[in-house]
């Protein structure tokens, strides 16, 4: 069985590799995503949004990942074509071997400027 920590690692490696199929395979059909730039309530839109961001990402550095039961917090820095590095926190919740909830927190002002 895949652990929540392993799922979080797969999430970020799929993002970095721009592998939509691998990303989709670890998300629950009704995954929810909430962040400064989007609120989503299904896997297809989540993958589409994350792949859009992945295409604009020039660097992503995971600084720390902490797991507590079914929850994983990943602290990372993302650099895009227009901004960065942006310190970011990502909380993922896992149920039945898939990510069911993602919450992202960062200051979006550099991206909006």
Protein backbone atom coordinates (compact mmCIF):
# COMPACT_ATOMS: atom_id res chain seq x y z
CA UNK A 1 0.00 0.00 0.00
CA UNK A 2 1.22 3.47 -0.87
CA UNK A 3 1.71 5.76 2.12
CA UNK A 4 0.54 9.39 2.23
CA UNK A 5 4.19 10.47 2.18
CA UNK A 6 4.83 8.43 -0.98
CA UNK A 7 1.72 9.92 -2.62
CA UNK A 8 2.99 13.44 -1.85
CA UNK A 9 6.34 12.55 -3.38
CA UNK A 10 4.58 11.20 -6.49
CA UNK A 11 2.44 14.36 -6.70
CA UNK A 12 5.50 16.59 -6.86
CA UNK A 13 7.53 14.36 -9.17
CA UNK A 14 4.56 14.10 -11.58
CA UNK A 15 4.26 17.90 -11.48
CA UNK A 16 7.97 18.36 -12.18
CA UNK A 17 7.88 15.77 -14.98
CA UNK A 18 4.63 17.25 -16.38
CA UNK A 19 3.15 13.75 -16.23
CA UNK A 20 -0.62 14.32 -16.18
CA UNK A 21 -1.47 10.61 -16.24
CA UNK A 22 0.69 9.80 -13.22
CA UNK A 23 -0.73 12.81 -11.35
CA UNK A 24 -4.30 11.79 -12.18
CA UNK A 25 -3.66 8.24 -10.97
CA UNK A 26 -3.07 9.38 -7.38
CA UNK A 27 -6.00 11.80 -7.12
CA UNK A 28 -9.47 10.90 -5.93
CA UNK A 29 -12.15 11.60 -8.56
CA UNK A 30 -13.65 14.25 -6.29
CA UNK A 31 -10.39 15.75 -5.03
CA UNK A 32 -10.74 19.31 -3.80
CA UNK A 33 -8.09 21.95 -4.39
CA UNK A 34 -8.03 25.36 -2.74
CA UNK A 35 -5.36 27.97 -3.22
CA UNK A 36 -4.88 31.70 -3.80
CA UNK A 37 -5.54 31.37 -7.54
CA UNK A 38 -8.12 28.57 -7.81
CA UNK A 39 -10.80 26.48 -6.14
CA UNK A 40 -11.46 23.12 -7.81
CA UNK A 41 -13.63 20.12 -6.90
CA UNK A 42 -12.69 17.35 -9.34
CA UNK A 43 -9.60 15.52 -10.53
CA UNK A 44 -9.74 16.52 -14.19
CA UNK A 45 -9.74 20.25 -13.45
CA UNK A 46 -7.08 19.78 -10.77
CA UNK A 47 -4.78 18.00 -13.22
CA UNK A 48 -5.45 20.63 -15.89
CA UNK A 49 -4.63 23.47 -13.49
CA UNK A 50 -1.51 21.81 -12.11
CA UNK A 51 -0.23 20.94 -15.57
CA UNK A 52 -0.75 24.56 -16.61
CA UNK A 53 1.35 25.68 -13.69
CA UNK A 54 3.90 22.94 -14.38
CA UNK A 55 4.35 24.28 -17.91
CA UNK A 56 5.20 27.71 -16.48
CA UNK A 57 7.45 26.33 -13.72
CA UNK A 58 11.16 26.82 -14.30
CA UNK A 59 12.26 25.44 -10.91
CA UNK A 60 10.66 23.66 -7.99
CA UNK A 61 12.66 22.91 -4.86
CA UNK A 62 11.09 20.82 -2.09
CA UNK A 63 12.60 22.04 1.17
CA UNK A 64 10.77 19.86 3.70
CA UNK A 65 8.02 17.26 3.78
CA UNK A 66 6.27 16.18 7.00
CA UNK A 67 3.68 13.46 7.39
CA UNK A 68 1.17 13.01 10.19
CA UNK A 69 -1.14 10.06 9.59
CA UNK A 70 -3.17 10.74 6.45
CA UNK A 71 -1.88 14.31 6.12
CA UNK A 72 1.31 15.59 4.48
CA UNK A 73 2.69 19.11 4.47
CA UNK A 74 5.24 19.96 1.79
CA UNK A 75 7.18 23.22 2.07
CA UNK A 76 8.66 24.18 -1.28
CA UNK A 77 9.81 27.06 -3.44
CA UNK A 78 8.47 27.48 -6.95
CA UNK A 79 9.95 29.67 -9.64
CA UNK A 80 7.93 30.49 -12.75
CA UNK A 81 8.78 32.34 -15.92
CA UNK A 82 7.50 35.53 -14.28
CA UNK A 83 8.20 35.22 -10.55
CA UNK A 84 9.99 33.44 -7.80
CA UNK A 85 11.18 31.74 -5.93
CA UNK A 86 7.82 31.75 -4.14
CA UNK A 87 7.77 30.05 -0.71
CA UNK A 88 4.74 27.74 -0.69
CA UNK A 89 3.03 25.32 1.67
CA UNK A 90 1.00 22.40 0.30
CA UNK A 91 -1.22 20.28 2.55
CA UNK A 92 -2.48 17.01 1.11
CA UNK A 93 -5.01 14.69 2.74
CA UNK A 94 -5.19 11.01 1.77
CA UNK A 95 -8.06 8.54 2.03
CA UNK A 96 -8.20 5.03 0.60
CA UNK A 97 -4.84 5.38 -1.11
CA UNK A 98 -5.58 8.59 -3.03
CA UNK A 99 -5.21 12.30 -2.40
CA UNK A 100 -8.66 13.71 -1.60
CA UNK A 101 -7.83 17.29 -0.61
CA UNK A 102 -5.08 19.75 -1.47
CA UNK A 103 -4.67 23.17 0.13
CA UNK A 104 -1.96 25.54 -1.03
CA UNK A 105 -0.81 28.75 0.63
CA UNK A 106 1.54 31.35 -0.85
CA UNK A 107 1.67 35.06 -1.57
CA UNK A 108 0.31 35.41 -5.15
CA UNK A 109 1.23 39.09 -5.59
CA UNK A 110 4.42 38.42 -7.61
CA UNK A 111 2.35 36.39 -10.09
CA UNK A 112 -0.37 39.01 -10.37
CA UNK A 113 1.91 42.00 -10.77
